[in-house]
All heavy atoms as atom14 arrays in JSON, in Angstrom:
{
  "sequence": "CGGVWEYVTGQGTNQYVSKVQKDGTYIEHYKLHAQGVGSLGTEYVMNW",
  "atom14_mask": [
    [1, 1, 1, 1, 1, 1, 0, 0, 0, 0, 0, 0, 0, 0],
    [1, 1, 1, 1, 0, 0, 0, 0, 0, 0, 0, 0, 0, 0],
    [1, 1, 1, 1, 0, 0, 0, 0, 0, 0, 0, 0, 0, 0],
    [1, 1, 1, 1, 1, 1, 1, 0, 0, 0, 0, 0, 0, 0],
    [1, 1, 1, 1, 1, 1, 1, 1, 1, 1, 1, 1, 1, 1],
    [1, 1, 1, 1, 1, 1, 1, 1, 1, 0, 0, 0, 0, 0],
    [1, 1, 1, 1, 1, 1, 1, 1, 1, 1, 1, 1, 0, 0],
    [1, 1, 1, 1, 1, 1, 1, 0, 0, 0, 0, 0, 0, 0],
    [1, 1, 1, 1, 1, 1, 1, 0, 0, 0, 0, 0, 0, 0],
    [1, 1, 1, 1, 0, 0, 0, 0, 0, 0, 0, 0, 0, 0],
    [1, 1, 1, 1, 1, 1, 1, 1, 1, 0, 0, 0, 0, 0],
    [1, 1, 1, 1, 0, 0, 0, 0, 0, 0, 0, 0, 0, 0],
    [1, 1, 1, 1, 1, 1, 1, 0, 0, 0, 0, 0, 0, 0],
    [1, 1, 1, 1, 1, 1, 1, 1, 0, 0, 0, 0, 0, 0],
    [1, 1, 1, 1, 1, 1, 1, 1, 1, 0, 0, 0, 0, 0],
    [1, 1, 1, 1, 1, 1, 1, 1, 1, 1, 1, 1, 0, 0],
    [1, 1, 1, 1, 1, 1, 1, 0, 0, 0, 0, 0, 0, 0],
    [1, 1, 1, 1, 1, 1, 0, 0, 0, 0, 0, 0, 0, 0],
    [1, 1, 1, 1, 1, 1, 1, 1, 1, 0, 0, 0, 0, 0],
    [1, 1, 1, 1, 1, 1, 1, 0, 0, 0, 0, 0, 0, 0],
    [1, 1, 1, 1, 1, 1, 1, 1, 1, 0, 0, 0, 0, 0],
    [1, 1, 1, 1, 1, 1, 1, 1, 1, 0, 0, 0, 0, 0],
    [1, 1, 1, 1, 1, 1, 1, 1, 0, 0, 0, 0, 0, 0],
    [1, 1, 1, 1, 0, 0, 0, 0, 0, 0, 0, 0, 0, 0],
    [1, 1, 1, 1, 1, 1, 1, 0, 0, 0, 0, 0, 0, 0],
    [1, 1, 1, 1, 1, 1, 1, 1, 1, 1, 1, 1, 0, 0],
    [1, 1, 1, 1, 1, 1, 1, 1, 0, 0, 0, 0, 0, 0],
    [1, 1, 1, 1, 1, 1, 1, 1, 1, 0, 0, 0, 0, 0],
    [1, 1, 1, 1, 1, 1, 1, 1, 1, 1, 0, 0, 0, 0],
    [1, 1, 1, 1, 1, 1, 1, 1, 1, 1, 1, 1, 0, 0],
    [1, 1, 1, 1, 1, 1, 1, 1, 1, 0, 0, 0, 0, 0],
    [1, 1, 1, 1, 1, 1, 1, 1, 0, 0, 0, 0, 0, 0],
    [1, 1, 1, 1, 1, 1, 1, 1, 1, 1, 0, 0, 0, 0],
    [1, 1, 1, 1, 1, 0, 0, 0, 0, 0, 0, 0, 0, 0],
    [1, 1, 1, 1, 1, 1, 1, 1, 1, 0, 0, 0, 0, 0],
    [1, 1, 1, 1, 0, 0, 0, 0, 0, 0, 0, 0, 0, 0],
    [1, 1, 1, 1, 1, 1, 1, 0, 0, 0, 0, 0, 0, 0],
    [1, 1, 1, 1, 0, 0, 0, 0, 0, 0, 0, 0, 0, 0],
    [1, 1, 1, 1, 1, 1, 0, 0, 0, 0, 0, 0, 0, 0],
    [1, 1, 1, 1, 1, 1, 1, 1, 0, 0, 0, 0, 0, 0],
    [1, 1, 1, 1, 0, 0, 0, 0, 0, 0, 0, 0, 0, 0],
    [1, 1, 1, 1, 1, 1, 1, 0, 0, 0, 0, 0, 0, 0],
    [1, 1, 1, 1, 1, 1, 1, 1, 1, 0, 0, 0, 0, 0],
    [1, 1, 1, 1, 1, 1, 1, 1, 1, 1, 1, 1, 0, 0],
    [1, 1, 1, 1, 1, 1, 1, 0, 0, 0, 0, 0, 0, 0],
    [1, 1, 1, 1, 1, 1, 1, 1, 0, 0, 0, 0, 0, 0],
    [1, 1, 1, 1, 1, 1, 1, 1, 0, 0, 0, 0, 0, 0],
    [1, 1, 1, 1, 1, 1, 1, 1, 1, 1, 1, 1, 1, 1]
  ],
  "atom14_positions": [
    [[97.02, 27.75, -3.59], [97.15, 28.97, -4.4], [98.61, 29.41, -4.46], [99.34, 29.28, -3.49], [96.29, 30.08, -3.82], [94.53, 29.77, -3.98], [0.0, 0.0, 0.0], [0.0, 0.0, 0.0], [0.0, 0.0, 0.0], [0.0, 0.0, 0.0], [0.0, 0.0, 0.0], [0.0, 0.0, 0.0], [0.0, 0.0, 0.0], [0.0, 0.0, 0.0]],
    [[99.02, 29.91, -5.58], [100.4, 30.33, -5.76], [101.32, 29.18, -6.1], [102.53, 29.33, -6.13], [0.0, 0.0, 0.0], [0.0, 0.0, 0.0], [0.0, 0.0, 0.0], [0.0, 0.0, 0.0], [0.0, 0.0, 0.0], [0.0, 0.0, 0.0], [0.0, 0.0, 0.0], [0.0, 0.0, 0.0], [0.0, 0.0, 0.0], [0.0, 0.0, 0.0]],
    [[100.74, 27.99, -6.34], [101.54, 26.83, -6.73], [102.26, 26.16, -5.58], [103.06, 25.27, -5.79], [0.0, 0.0, 0.0], [0.0, 0.0, 0.0], [0.0, 0.0, 0.0], [0.0, 0.0, 0.0], [0.0, 0.0, 0.0], [0.0, 0.0, 0.0], [0.0, 0.0, 0.0], [0.0, 0.0, 0.0], [0.0, 0.0, 0.0], [0.0, 0.0, 0.0]],
    [[102.02, 26.59, -4.36], [102.69, 26.02, -3.19], [101.63, 25.49, -2.23], [100.64, 26.16, -1.93], [103.54, 27.11, -2.47], [104.19, 26.54, -1.23], [104.57, 27.69, -3.41], [0.0, 0.0, 0.0], [0.0, 0.0, 0.0], [0.0, 0.0, 0.0], [0.0, 0.0, 0.0], [0.0, 0.0, 0.0], [0.0, 0.0, 0.0], [0.0, 0.0, 0.0]],
    [[101.82, 24.27, -1.74], [100.91, 23.71, -0.74], [101.22, 24.32, 0.61], [102.37, 24.35, 1.05], [101.1, 22.2, -0.65], [100.44, 21.45, -1.77], [100.87, 21.37, -3.06], [99.23, 20.72, -1.69], [100.0, 20.61, -3.79], [98.99, 20.19, -2.97], [98.33, 20.44, -0.67], [97.88, 19.41, -3.26], [97.24, 19.66, -0.95], [97.02, 19.14, -2.23]],
    [[100.18, 24.81, 1.27], [100.35, 25.32, 2.63], [99.29, 24.66, 3.51], [98.09, 24.78, 3.26], [100.23, 26.83, 2.68], [100.56, 27.38, 4.05], [100.73, 28.89, 4.09], [100.34, 29.58, 3.11], [101.25, 29.38, 5.1], [0.0, 0.0, 0.0], [0.0, 0.0, 0.0], [0.0, 0.0, 0.0], [0.0, 0.0, 0.0], [0.0, 0.0, 0.0]],
    [[99.73, 23.97, 4.52], [98.87, 23.26, 5.46], [98.51, 24.22, 6.58], [99.39, 24.83, 7.2], [99.65, 22.05, 5.98], [98.9, 21.15, 6.92], [97.91, 20.3, 6.45], [99.19, 21.15, 8.28], [97.23, 19.46, 7.31], [98.5, 20.31, 9.14], [97.54, 19.47, 8.65], [96.85, 18.64, 9.51], [0.0, 0.0, 0.0], [0.0, 0.0, 0.0]],
    [[97.21, 24.39, 6.85], [96.74, 25.37, 7.82], [96.06, 24.65, 8.99], [95.19, 23.81, 8.76], [95.75, 26.37, 7.18], [95.34, 27.43, 8.19], [96.36, 27.01, 5.95], [0.0, 0.0, 0.0], [0.0, 0.0, 0.0], [0.0, 0.0, 0.0], [0.0, 0.0, 0.0], [0.0, 0.0, 0.0], [0.0, 0.0, 0.0], [0.0, 0.0, 0.0]],
    [[96.44, 24.97, 10.21], [95.77, 24.44, 11.39], [95.3, 25.61, 12.25], [95.93, 26.67, 12.26], [96.69, 23.54, 12.23], [97.84, 24.29, 12.62], [97.11, 22.31, 11.45], [0.0, 0.0, 0.0], [0.0, 0.0, 0.0], [0.0, 0.0, 0.0], [0.0, 0.0, 0.0], [0.0, 0.0, 0.0], [0.0, 0.0, 0.0], [0.0, 0.0, 0.0]],
    [[94.19, 25.42, 12.94], [93.69, 26.5, 13.77], [92.56, 26.04, 14.67], [92.27, 24.85, 14.78], [0.0, 0.0, 0.0], [0.0, 0.0, 0.0], [0.0, 0.0, 0.0], [0.0, 0.0, 0.0], [0.0, 0.0, 0.0], [0.0, 0.0, 0.0], [0.0, 0.0, 0.0], [0.0, 0.0, 0.0], [0.0, 0.0, 0.0], [0.0, 0.0, 0.0]],
    [[91.94, 27.01, 15.31], [90.82, 26.74, 16.21], [89.67, 27.66, 15.87], [89.88, 28.78, 15.38], [91.23, 26.97, 17.65], [92.14, 25.91, 18.2], [92.43, 26.16, 19.66], [93.13, 27.1, 19.98], [91.87, 25.32, 20.52], [0.0, 0.0, 0.0], [0.0, 0.0, 0.0], [0.0, 0.0, 0.0], [0.0, 0.0, 0.0], [0.0, 0.0, 0.0]],
    [[88.46, 27.19, 16.15], [87.3, 28.01, 15.85], [86.04, 27.44, 16.44], [86.06, 26.58, 17.31], [0.0, 0.0, 0.0], [0.0, 0.0, 0.0], [0.0, 0.0, 0.0], [0.0, 0.0, 0.0], [0.0, 0.0, 0.0], [0.0, 0.0, 0.0], [0.0, 0.0, 0.0], [0.0, 0.0, 0.0], [0.0, 0.0, 0.0], [0.0, 0.0, 0.0]],
    [[84.92, 27.93, 15.92], [83.6, 27.54, 16.4], [82.84, 26.86, 15.28], [82.81, 27.36, 14.16], [82.82, 28.78, 16.88], [83.58, 29.43, 17.89], [81.48, 28.38, 17.45], [0.0, 0.0, 0.0], [0.0, 0.0, 0.0], [0.0, 0.0, 0.0], [0.0, 0.0, 0.0], [0.0, 0.0, 0.0], [0.0, 0.0, 0.0], [0.0, 0.0, 0.0]],
    [[82.23, 25.73, 15.61], [81.44, 24.98, 14.65], [79.97, 25.06, 15.07], [79.65, 24.94, 16.24], [81.89, 23.52, 14.63], [81.3, 22.73, 13.49], [80.57, 23.26, 12.66], [81.6, 21.46, 13.44], [0.0, 0.0, 0.0], [0.0, 0.0, 0.0], [0.0, 0.0, 0.0], [0.0, 0.0, 0.0], [0.0, 0.0, 0.0], [0.0, 0.0, 0.0]],
    [[79.1, 25.28, 14.1], [77.67, 25.29, 14.35], [77.05, 24.18, 13.51], [77.35, 24.05, 12.32], [77.05, 26.62, 13.98], [75.57, 26.67, 14.24], [74.96, 28.0, 13.83], [75.61, 28.85, 13.25], [73.7, 28.17, 14.12], [0.0, 0.0, 0.0], [0.0, 0.0, 0.0], [0.0, 0.0, 0.0], [0.0, 0.0, 0.0], [0.0, 0.0, 0.0]],
    [[76.2, 23.38, 14.14], [75.58, 22.23, 13.49], [74.06, 22.34, 13.64], [73.56, 22.59, 14.74], [76.08, 20.94, 14.14], [75.31, 19.71, 13.79], [75.51, 19.08, 12.58], [74.38, 19.18, 14.68], [74.79, 17.94, 12.25], [73.67, 18.03, 14.36], [73.88, 17.42, 13.15], [73.17, 16.3, 12.83], [0.0, 0.0, 0.0], [0.0, 0.0, 0.0]],
    [[73.34, 22.16, 12.53], [71.88, 22.15, 12.57], [71.41, 20.96, 11.73], [71.89, 20.76, 10.61], [71.28, 23.46, 11.98], [69.76, 23.39, 11.97], [71.76, 24.67, 12.75], [0.0, 0.0, 0.0], [0.0, 0.0, 0.0], [0.0, 0.0, 0.0], [0.0, 0.0, 0.0], [0.0, 0.0, 0.0], [0.0, 0.0, 0.0], [0.0, 0.0, 0.0]],
    [[70.47, 20.18, 12.25], [69.87, 19.1, 11.47], [68.36, 19.17, 11.64], [67.87, 19.51, 12.72], [70.4, 17.73, 11.9], [69.94, 17.41, 13.19], [0.0, 0.0, 0.0], [0.0, 0.0, 0.0], [0.0, 0.0, 0.0], [0.0, 0.0, 0.0], [0.0, 0.0, 0.0], [0.0, 0.0, 0.0], [0.0, 0.0, 0.0], [0.0, 0.0, 0.0]],
    [[67.65, 18.85, 10.56], [66.2, 18.96, 10.61], [65.57, 18.04, 9.58], [66.03, 17.93, 8.46], [65.78, 20.41, 10.32], [64.28, 20.64, 10.43], [63.98, 22.1, 10.54], [62.55, 22.46, 10.58], [61.65, 21.66, 11.32], [0.0, 0.0, 0.0], [0.0, 0.0, 0.0], [0.0, 0.0, 0.0], [0.0, 0.0, 0.0], [0.0, 0.0, 0.0]],
    [[64.5, 17.39, 10.0], [63.68, 16.61, 9.07], [62.57, 17.53, 8.57], [61.84, 18.13, 9.35], [63.07, 15.37, 9.77], [62.16, 14.62, 8.8], [64.17, 14.46, 10.29], [0.0, 0.0, 0.0], [0.0, 0.0, 0.0], [0.0, 0.0, 0.0], [0.0, 0.0, 0.0], [0.0, 0.0, 0.0], [0.0, 0.0, 0.0], [0.0, 0.0, 0.0]],
    [[62.47, 17.66, 7.25], [61.46, 18.52, 6.64], [60.11, 17.81, 6.58], [60.03, 16.6, 6.76], [61.9, 18.9, 5.22], [63.27, 19.56, 5.15], [63.28, 20.88, 5.88], [62.49, 21.76, 5.59], [64.19, 21.02, 6.84], [0.0, 0.0, 0.0], [0.0, 0.0, 0.0], [0.0, 0.0, 0.0], [0.0, 0.0, 0.0], [0.0, 0.0, 0.0]],
    [[59.06, 18.56, 6.28], [57.71, 17.98, 6.19], [57.62, 16.88, 5.14], [56.87, 15.93, 5.28], [56.69, 19.07, 5.87], [56.42, 20.0, 7.02], [55.38, 21.03, 6.66], [55.13, 21.96, 7.81], [54.1, 22.95, 7.5], [0.0, 0.0, 0.0], [0.0, 0.0, 0.0], [0.0, 0.0, 0.0], [0.0, 0.0, 0.0], [0.0, 0.0, 0.0]],
    [[58.41, 17.01, 4.05], [58.36, 16.01, 2.99], [59.25, 14.79, 3.27], [59.38, 13.91, 2.45], [58.74, 16.63, 1.64], [60.18, 17.1, 1.59], [60.9, 17.02, 2.61], [60.62, 17.56, 0.51], [0.0, 0.0, 0.0], [0.0, 0.0, 0.0], [0.0, 0.0, 0.0], [0.0, 0.0, 0.0], [0.0, 0.0, 0.0], [0.0, 0.0, 0.0]],
    [[59.87, 14.75, 4.46], [60.72, 13.62, 4.83], [62.18, 13.82, 4.5], [63.02, 13.01, 4.88], [0.0, 0.0, 0.0], [0.0, 0.0, 0.0], [0.0, 0.0, 0.0], [0.0, 0.0, 0.0], [0.0, 0.0, 0.0], [0.0, 0.0, 0.0], [0.0, 0.0, 0.0], [0.0, 0.0, 0.0], [0.0, 0.0, 0.0], [0.0, 0.0, 0.0]],
    [[62.51, 14.88, 3.79], [63.9, 15.18, 3.47], [64.66, 15.52, 4.76], [64.14, 16.22, 5.62], [63.98, 16.38, 2.5], [63.23, 16.07, 1.34], [65.42, 16.67, 2.1], [0.0, 0.0, 0.0], [0.0, 0.0, 0.0], [0.0, 0.0, 0.0], [0.0, 0.0, 0.0], [0.0, 0.0, 0.0], [0.0, 0.0, 0.0], [0.0, 0.0, 0.0]],
    [[65.88, 15.03, 4.85], [66.72, 15.28, 6.02], [67.82, 16.24, 5.62], [68.51, 16.02, 4.63], [67.3, 13.96, 6.53], [68.18, 14.09, 7.73], [67.65, 14.39, 8.98], [69.55, 13.93, 7.62], [68.45, 14.51, 10.09], [70.37, 14.04, 8.73], [69.82, 14.33, 9.96], [70.64, 14.47, 11.06], [0.0, 0.0, 0.0], [0.0, 0.0, 0.0]],
    [[68.0, 17.29, 6.39], [69.02, 18.3, 6.08], [69.98, 18.42, 7.26], [69.56, 18.54, 8.41], [68.4, 19.66, 5.78], [67.52, 19.58, 4.54], [69.47, 20.73, 5.6], [66.78, 20.85, 4.23], [0.0, 0.0, 0.0], [0.0, 0.0, 0.0], [0.0, 0.0, 0.0], [0.0, 0.0, 0.0], [0.0, 0.0, 0.0], [0.0, 0.0, 0.0]],
    [[71.28, 18.4, 6.96], [72.32, 18.69, 7.95], [73.12, 19.86, 7.42], [73.47, 19.9, 6.24], [73.27, 17.51, 8.12], [72.73, 16.36, 8.88], [73.78, 15.3, 9.09], [74.82, 15.58, 9.71], [73.55, 14.18, 8.61], [0.0, 0.0, 0.0], [0.0, 0.0, 0.0], [0.0, 0.0, 0.0], [0.0, 0.0, 0.0], [0.0, 0.0, 0.0]],
    [[73.41, 20.81, 8.29], [74.18, 21.98, 7.87], [75.26, 22.25, 8.91], [74.97, 22.3, 10.11], [73.27, 23.19, 7.71], [73.96, 24.37, 7.11], [74.29, 24.43, 5.78], [74.43, 25.5, 7.67], [74.91, 25.57, 5.55], [74.99, 26.23, 6.68], [0.0, 0.0, 0.0], [0.0, 0.0, 0.0], [0.0, 0.0, 0.0], [0.0, 0.0, 0.0]],
    [[76.48, 22.38, 8.44], [77.62, 22.69, 9.3], [78.21, 24.03, 8.87], [78.37, 24.28, 7.68], [78.73, 21.64, 9.15], [78.33, 20.25, 9.53], [77.76, 19.39, 8.59], [78.53, 19.78, 10.81], [77.4, 18.1, 8.93], [78.18, 18.49, 11.16], [77.62, 17.65, 10.21], [77.26, 16.38, 10.56], [0.0, 0.0, 0.0], [0.0, 0.0, 0.0]],
    [[78.57, 24.84, 9.84], [79.3, 26.08, 9.57], [80.47, 26.13, 10.53], [80.32, 25.88, 11.72], [78.43, 27.31, 9.79], [77.51, 27.62, 8.66], [76.84, 28.97, 8.9], [75.99, 29.33, 7.7], [75.39, 30.64, 7.85], [0.0, 0.0, 0.0], [0.0, 0.0, 0.0], [0.0, 0.0, 0.0], [0.0, 0.0, 0.0], [0.0, 0.0, 0.0]],
    [[81.62, 26.46, 10.0], [82.82, 26.58, 10.81], [83.46, 27.93, 10.54], [83.58, 28.34, 9.39], [83.82, 25.46, 10.47], [85.21, 25.63, 11.09], [85.18, 25.24, 12.57], [86.23, 24.82, 10.35], [0.0, 0.0, 0.0], [0.0, 0.0, 0.0], [0.0, 0.0, 0.0], [0.0, 0.0, 0.0], [0.0, 0.0, 0.0], [0.0, 0.0, 0.0]],
    [[83.85, 28.6, 11.6], [84.63, 29.83, 11.48], [85.84, 29.65, 12.38], [85.7, 29.38, 13.58], [83.81, 31.05, 11.92], [84.59, 32.32, 11.88], [84.87, 32.96, 10.7], [85.17, 33.04, 12.86], [85.57, 34.05, 10.96], [85.77, 34.11, 12.27], [0.0, 0.0, 0.0], [0.0, 0.0, 0.0], [0.0, 0.0, 0.0], [0.0, 0.0, 0.0]],
    [[87.03, 29.75, 11.8], [88.26, 29.49, 12.56], [89.38, 30.4, 12.1], [89.33, 30.97, 11.01], [88.67, 28.04, 12.39], [0.0, 0.0, 0.0], [0.0, 0.0, 0.0], [0.0, 0.0, 0.0], [0.0, 0.0, 0.0], [0.0, 0.0, 0.0], [0.0, 0.0, 0.0], [0.0, 0.0, 0.0], [0.0, 0.0, 0.0], [0.0, 0.0, 0.0]],
    [[90.38, 30.52, 12.94], [91.6, 31.26, 12.6], [92.78, 30.32, 12.82], [92.77, 29.53, 13.76], [91.75, 32.5, 13.46], [90.65, 33.51, 13.18], [90.93, 34.85, 13.81], [92.08, 35.23, 14.01], [89.87, 35.58, 14.12], [0.0, 0.0, 0.0], [0.0, 0.0, 0.0], [0.0, 0.0, 0.0], [0.0, 0.0, 0.0], [0.0, 0.0, 0.0]],
    [[93.75, 30.41, 11.91], [94.89, 29.51, 12.04], [96.12, 30.05, 11.34], [96.1, 31.12, 10.72], [0.0, 0.0, 0.0], [0.0, 0.0, 0.0], [0.0, 0.0, 0.0], [0.0, 0.0, 0.0], [0.0, 0.0, 0.0], [0.0, 0.0, 0.0], [0.0, 0.0, 0.0], [0.0, 0.0, 0.0], [0.0, 0.0, 0.0], [0.0, 0.0, 0.0]],
    [[97.19, 29.28, 11.45], [98.47, 29.65, 10.86], [98.9, 28.52, 9.93], [98.83, 27.34, 10.3], [99.54, 29.88, 11.95], [100.89, 30.19, 11.33], [99.1, 30.97, 12.9], [0.0, 0.0, 0.0], [0.0, 0.0, 0.0], [0.0, 0.0, 0.0], [0.0, 0.0, 0.0], [0.0, 0.0, 0.0], [0.0, 0.0, 0.0], [0.0, 0.0, 0.0]],
    [[99.33, 28.9, 8.73], [99.78, 27.93, 7.74], [101.2, 27.47, 8.0], [101.95, 28.09, 8.77], [0.0, 0.0, 0.0], [0.0, 0.0, 0.0], [0.0, 0.0, 0.0], [0.0, 0.0, 0.0], [0.0, 0.0, 0.0], [0.0, 0.0, 0.0], [0.0, 0.0, 0.0], [0.0, 0.0, 0.0], [0.0, 0.0, 0.0], [0.0, 0.0, 0.0]],
    [[101.59, 26.38, 7.34], [102.93, 25.81, 7.5], [104.03, 26.76, 7.02], [105.19, 26.6, 7.4], [103.01, 24.47, 6.77], [102.65, 24.63, 5.41], [0.0, 0.0, 0.0], [0.0, 0.0, 0.0], [0.0, 0.0, 0.0], [0.0, 0.0, 0.0], [0.0, 0.0, 0.0], [0.0, 0.0, 0.0], [0.0, 0.0, 0.0], [0.0, 0.0, 0.0]],
    [[103.66, 27.76, 6.21], [104.64, 28.75, 5.75], [104.59, 30.03, 6.59], [105.23, 31.02, 6.25], [104.41, 29.08, 4.27], [104.5, 27.89, 3.31], [104.16, 28.31, 1.88], [105.88, 27.26, 3.37], [0.0, 0.0, 0.0], [0.0, 0.0, 0.0], [0.0, 0.0, 0.0], [0.0, 0.0, 0.0], [0.0, 0.0, 0.0], [0.0, 0.0, 0.0]],
    [[103.79, 30.02, 7.66], [103.72, 31.15, 8.57], [102.63, 32.16, 8.28], [102.48, 33.15, 9.0], [0.0, 0.0, 0.0], [0.0, 0.0, 0.0], [0.0, 0.0, 0.0], [0.0, 0.0, 0.0], [0.0, 0.0, 0.0], [0.0, 0.0, 0.0], [0.0, 0.0, 0.0], [0.0, 0.0, 0.0], [0.0, 0.0, 0.0], [0.0, 0.0, 0.0]],
    [[101.84, 31.95, 7.24], [100.76, 32.88, 6.89], [99.57, 32.67, 7.82], [99.18, 31.53, 8.07], [100.32, 32.66, 5.44], [101.47, 32.75, 4.58], [99.29, 33.69, 5.01], [0.0, 0.0, 0.0], [0.0, 0.0, 0.0], [0.0, 0.0, 0.0], [0.0, 0.0, 0.0], [0.0, 0.0, 0.0], [0.0, 0.0, 0.0], [0.0, 0.0, 0.0]],
    [[98.97, 33.75, 8.31], [97.76, 33.66, 9.13], [96.54, 33.65, 8.21], [96.49, 34.39, 7.24], [97.68, 34.83, 10.09], [98.72, 34.8, 11.19], [98.55, 35.92, 12.18], [97.4, 36.25, 12.51], [99.58, 36.48, 12.61], [0.0, 0.0, 0.0], [0.0, 0.0, 0.0], [0.0, 0.0, 0.0], [0.0, 0.0, 0.0], [0.0, 0.0, 0.0]],
    [[95.55, 32.81, 8.56], [94.35, 32.67, 7.76], [93.1, 32.73, 8.63], [93.12, 32.35, 9.8], [94.32, 31.32, 7.03], [95.29, 31.21, 5.89], [96.56, 30.69, 6.08], [94.93, 31.63, 4.61], [97.44, 30.57, 5.01], [95.81, 31.53, 3.55], [97.07, 31.0, 3.76], [97.95, 30.89, 2.71], [0.0, 0.0, 0.0], [0.0, 0.0, 0.0]],
    [[92.01, 33.18, 8.02], [90.67, 33.04, 8.56], [89.98, 32.02, 7.67], [89.97, 32.17, 6.45], [89.89, 34.38, 8.55], [88.46, 34.16, 9.0], [90.58, 35.41, 9.43], [0.0, 0.0, 0.0], [0.0, 0.0, 0.0], [0.0, 0.0, 0.0], [0.0, 0.0, 0.0], [0.0, 0.0, 0.0], [0.0, 0.0, 0.0], [0.0, 0.0, 0.0]],
    [[89.44, 30.97, 8.28], [88.83, 29.88, 7.51], [87.32, 29.85, 7.77], [86.88, 29.99, 8.91], [89.44, 28.54, 7.92], [90.92, 28.44, 7.62], [91.66, 26.93, 8.28], [91.76, 27.32, 10.02], [0.0, 0.0, 0.0], [0.0, 0.0, 0.0], [0.0, 0.0, 0.0], [0.0, 0.0, 0.0], [0.0, 0.0, 0.0], [0.0, 0.0, 0.0]],
    [[86.55, 29.68, 6.72], [85.09, 29.53, 6.83], [84.68, 28.33, 6.0], [85.06, 28.23, 4.83], [84.38, 30.79, 6.31], [84.61, 31.97, 7.22], [84.19, 31.96, 8.36], [85.3, 32.98, 6.72], [0.0, 0.0, 0.0], [0.0, 0.0, 0.0], [0.0, 0.0, 0.0], [0.0, 0.0, 0.0], [0.0, 0.0, 0.0], [0.0, 0.0, 0.0]],
    [[83.94, 27.44, 6.61], [83.41, 26.27, 5.92], [81.9, 26.3, 6.01], [81.34, 26.64, 7.04], [83.87, 24.97, 6.58], [85.33, 24.69, 6.55], [86.31, 25.48, 6.04], [85.98, 23.54, 7.07], [87.53, 24.89, 6.22], [87.36, 23.69, 6.85], [85.53, 22.39, 7.71], [88.29, 22.75, 7.23], [86.46, 21.45, 8.09], [87.82, 21.62, 7.85]]
  ]
}
């Protein structure tokens, strides 16, 4: 965003859930919540 690439690194918590449904469908779900600092010094909160 803003036309400039900013690389962000940080630490956080990952939650993983996997389940086979009654119809045989397999579902995997990942959630990540982290805080980090970008290469330009900006602090970010990241959610995946």
